[in-house]
Protein backbone atom coordinates (compact mmCIF):
# COMPACT_ATOMS: atom_id res chain seq x y z
CA UNK A 1 -12.25 -3.04 -14.38
CA UNK A 2 -14.81 -5.82 -14.14
CA UNK A 3 -17.56 -5.44 -11.54
CA UNK A 4 -19.45 -8.67 -10.81
CA UNK A 5 -22.83 -8.51 -9.16
CA UNK A 6 -24.32 -11.53 -7.44
CA UNK A 7 -28.05 -11.16 -6.99
CA UNK A 8 -29.34 -13.43 -4.26
CA UNK A 9 -33.03 -12.60 -4.35
CA UNK A 10 -35.59 -15.02 -5.72
CA UNK A 11 -38.03 -12.08 -6.06
CA UNK A 12 -37.93 -10.72 -9.62
CA UNK A 13 -37.41 -6.93 -9.72
CA UNK A 14 -37.58 -6.69 -5.95
CA UNK A 15 -35.69 -4.59 -3.43
CA UNK A 16 -32.37 -6.46 -3.74
CA UNK A 17 -32.58 -6.13 -7.51
CA UNK A 18 -33.11 -2.39 -7.14
CA UNK A 19 -30.02 -2.06 -4.94
CA UNK A 20 -27.92 -4.04 -7.41
CA UNK A 21 -29.25 -2.09 -10.38
CA UNK A 22 -28.43 1.27 -8.76
CA UNK A 23 -24.91 0.13 -7.81
CA UNK A 24 -24.19 -1.22 -11.29
CA UNK A 25 -25.51 1.87 -13.06
CA UNK A 26 -23.20 4.00 -10.96
CA UNK A 27 -20.25 1.71 -11.76
CA UNK A 28 -21.08 1.86 -15.46
CA UNK A 29 -21.19 5.66 -15.31
CA UNK A 30 -17.57 5.49 -14.09
CA UNK A 31 -16.66 3.46 -17.18
CA UNK A 32 -16.46 0.01 -15.60
CA UNK A 33 -17.66 -3.22 -17.22
CA UNK A 34 -20.43 -4.88 -15.22
CA UNK A 35 -22.10 -8.24 -15.14
CA UNK A 36 -24.83 -9.59 -12.83
CA UNK A 37 -25.37 -13.23 -12.09
CA UNK A 38 -28.72 -14.23 -10.62
CA UNK A 39 -28.25 -17.05 -8.13
CA UNK A 40 -31.80 -18.37 -8.46
CA UNK A 41 -31.43 -18.83 -12.23
CA UNK A 42 -28.27 -20.94 -11.91
CA UNK A 43 -28.16 -24.71 -11.67
CA UNK A 44 -25.94 -25.22 -8.62
CA UNK A 45 -25.35 -28.39 -6.70
CA UNK A 46 -24.86 -27.89 -2.98
CA UNK A 47 -21.43 -28.56 -1.51
CA UNK A 48 -21.36 -32.11 -0.14
CA UNK A 49 -18.16 -31.74 1.86
CA UNK A 50 -16.38 -34.47 -0.06
CA UNK A 51 -12.95 -32.83 0.28
CA UNK A 52 -12.05 -33.25 -3.40
CA UNK A 53 -11.27 -29.53 -3.80
CA UNK A 54 -8.98 -29.68 -0.76
CA UNK A 55 -6.67 -32.12 -2.54
CA UNK A 56 -7.22 -31.35 -6.23
CA UNK A 57 -8.21 -27.66 -6.23
CA UNK A 58 -11.32 -28.32 -8.29
CA UNK A 59 -14.88 -29.28 -7.50
CA UNK A 60 -16.34 -32.67 -8.46
CA UNK A 61 -19.50 -31.07 -9.83
CA UNK A 62 -19.83 -29.82 -13.41
CA UNK A 63 -22.58 -27.24 -13.15
CA UNK A 64 -23.18 -23.48 -13.47
CA UNK A 65 -20.91 -22.86 -10.50
CA UNK A 66 -17.99 -24.54 -12.26
CA UNK A 67 -18.66 -23.17 -15.75
CA UNK A 68 -20.12 -19.70 -15.09
CA UNK A 69 -19.87 -18.47 -11.51
CA UNK A 70 -16.32 -19.47 -10.56
CA UNK A 71 -14.63 -18.14 -13.74
CA UNK A 72 -16.43 -14.79 -13.30
CA UNK A 73 -15.45 -14.56 -9.63
CA UNK A 74 -11.83 -15.18 -10.61
CA UNK A 75 -11.92 -12.48 -13.32
CA UNK A 76 -13.73 -9.82 -11.25
CA UNK A 77 -11.99 -6.84 -9.70
CA UNK A 78 -15.00 -5.84 -7.61
CA UNK A 79 -17.76 -8.14 -6.38
CA UNK A 80 -21.01 -6.93 -4.93
CA UNK A 81 -23.58 -9.23 -3.35
CA UNK A 82 -27.16 -7.99 -3.13
CA UNK A 83 -29.57 -10.04 -1.09
CA UNK A 84 -32.62 -10.06 1.13
CA UNK A 85 -32.41 -11.57 4.60
CA UNK A 86 -33.98 -15.00 5.09
CA UNK A 87 -34.06 -16.08 8.72
CA UNK A 88 -31.02 -13.89 9.46
CA UNK A 89 -29.01 -15.41 6.61
CA UNK A 90 -28.76 -15.61 2.85
CA UNK A 91 -31.47 -17.30 0.73
CA UNK A 92 -30.67 -20.87 -0.30
CA UNK A 93 -29.60 -20.21 -3.91
CA UNK A 94 -26.90 -17.70 -3.01
CA UNK A 95 -25.81 -19.71 0.02
CA UNK A 96 -25.17 -22.66 -2.31
CA UNK A 97 -22.84 -20.46 -4.39
CA UNK A 98 -21.10 -19.19 -1.27
CA UNK A 99 -20.61 -22.71 0.09
CA UNK A 100 -19.08 -23.87 -3.17
CA UNK A 101 -16.41 -21.12 -2.98
CA UNK A 102 -14.69 -23.70 -0.78
CA UNK A 103 -12.75 -24.53 -3.93
CA UNK A 104 -10.97 -21.15 -3.77
CA UNK A 105 -10.51 -21.48 -0.01
CA UNK A 106 -8.88 -24.83 -0.60
CA UNK A 107 -6.55 -23.45 -3.27
CA UNK A 108 -5.56 -20.56 -1.01
CA UNK A 109 -5.22 -22.25 2.36
CA UNK A 110 -4.68 -25.97 1.70
CA UNK A 111 -2.85 -26.02 -1.60
CA UNK A 112 -1.13 -22.63 -1.08
CA UNK A 113 -1.64 -21.41 -4.64
CA UNK A 114 -1.55 -17.68 -5.25
CA UNK A 115 -3.68 -17.14 -8.36
CA UNK A 116 -4.57 -13.59 -7.27
CA UNK A 117 -1.01 -12.40 -6.58
CA UNK A 118 -0.69 -8.66 -6.99
CA UNK A 119 -4.42 -8.11 -7.50
CA UNK A 120 -6.35 -5.80 -5.18
CA UNK A 121 -9.99 -6.92 -5.29
CA UNK A 122 -12.86 -5.39 -3.33
CA UNK A 123 -16.15 -6.78 -2.07
CA UNK A 124 -19.39 -5.14 -1.02
CA UNK A 125 -22.68 -6.28 0.46
CA UNK A 126 -26.04 -4.69 -0.26
CA UNK A 127 -28.84 -6.11 1.89
CA UNK A 128 -32.46 -5.50 2.71
CA UNK A 129 -34.64 -6.99 5.42
CA UNK A 130 -38.29 -6.78 6.44
CA UNK A 131 -37.82 -6.57 10.20
CA UNK A 132 -35.98 -4.05 12.32
CA UNK A 133 -33.94 -6.36 14.57
CA UNK A 134 -30.62 -4.96 15.76
CA UNK A 135 -28.67 -8.02 14.59
CA UNK A 136 -30.71 -8.58 11.43
CA UNK A 137 -27.70 -8.35 9.09
CA UNK A 138 -25.04 -9.96 11.28
CA UNK A 139 -25.33 -13.38 9.60
CA UNK A 140 -25.07 -11.94 6.10
CA UNK A 141 -22.12 -9.72 6.99
CA UNK A 142 -20.18 -12.57 8.59
CA UNK A 143 -20.88 -14.97 5.73
CA UNK A 144 -20.00 -12.32 3.13
CA UNK A 145 -16.75 -11.56 4.98
CA UNK A 146 -15.65 -15.22 4.81
CA UNK A 147 -16.83 -15.63 1.22
CA UNK A 148 -14.70 -12.63 0.21
CA UNK A 149 -11.73 -13.90 2.20
CA UNK A 150 -11.85 -17.31 0.52
CA UNK A 151 -11.93 -15.58 -2.89
CA UNK A 152 -9.03 -13.27 -1.95
CA UNK A 153 -11.26 -10.18 -1.94
CA UNK A 154 -11.03 -7.40 0.62
CA UNK A 155 -14.40 -6.89 2.28
CA UNK A 156 -14.99 -3.16 2.13
CA UNK A 157 -18.42 -2.38 3.57
CA UNK A 158 -22.12 -3.13 3.60
CA UNK A 159 -25.18 -1.01 2.96
CA UNK A 160 -28.08 -2.58 4.84
CA UNK A 161 -31.70 -1.45 4.97
CA UNK A 162 -34.22 -2.55 7.65
CA UNK A 163 -37.98 -2.49 7.73
CA UNK A 164 -38.53 -2.90 4.00
CA UNK A 165 -40.79 -5.77 3.03
CA UNK A 166 -43.09 -4.60 0.25
CA UNK A 167 -41.79 -5.19 -3.28
CA UNK A 168 -40.31 -1.93 -4.48
CA UNK A 169 -40.37 -0.41 -1.00
CA UNK A 170 -36.63 0.34 -1.13
CA UNK A 171 -37.32 3.05 -3.74
CA UNK A 172 -39.03 5.07 -1.00
CA UNK A 173 -36.03 4.95 1.32
CA UNK A 174 -34.77 8.51 1.63
CA UNK A 175 -31.04 7.83 1.66
CA UNK A 176 -30.52 4.74 -0.53
CA UNK A 177 -29.60 6.48 -3.78
CA UNK A 178 -27.28 8.95 -2.09
CA UNK A 179 -25.59 6.19 -0.08
CA UNK A 180 -24.96 4.11 -3.18
CA UNK A 181 -23.70 7.15 -5.10
CA UNK A 182 -21.32 8.00 -2.23
CA UNK A 183 -20.11 4.39 -2.01
CA UNK A 184 -19.28 4.23 -5.70
CA UNK A 185 -17.76 7.72 -5.71
CA UNK A 186 -15.22 6.53 -3.16
CA UNK A 187 -13.94 3.74 -5.43
């Protein structure tokens, strides 16, 4: 089973990275193959809404989305997104990847292709935010849900952590390791 991680944080070795690393280590301990793509290190053009994918099923851009990200999303059995919250949404680099998944949405809903027939794929969100607002993660959860739907992935759940701003602060959260272990144990 291939587990694809999408790291959305521009902060190197920060809290989102820690969440992803813990999740992937647990998946590896269960014998799964893992790969992490870092959104900020990829050269991704933003979607320009040209509609090409809606008629042809492919994007007009030839970039890291086309050559790296999309093929890995198609191969993956489990996808986990790990991200901080930026103004109640995803940071720009990961949002660009999410927007470009329009190509799979177009194949599924416009062109009616079924390239994932018979495959049961699962998606997870790991998120961390500095503030404690009640609806802090609503934007990420909704966007992740539609990203997963477009890629024919069943959105399973999210683990979200509030009030963590300092780099490495997530390591001091009392329940994070247990929650990730329990999440992976249920797969």
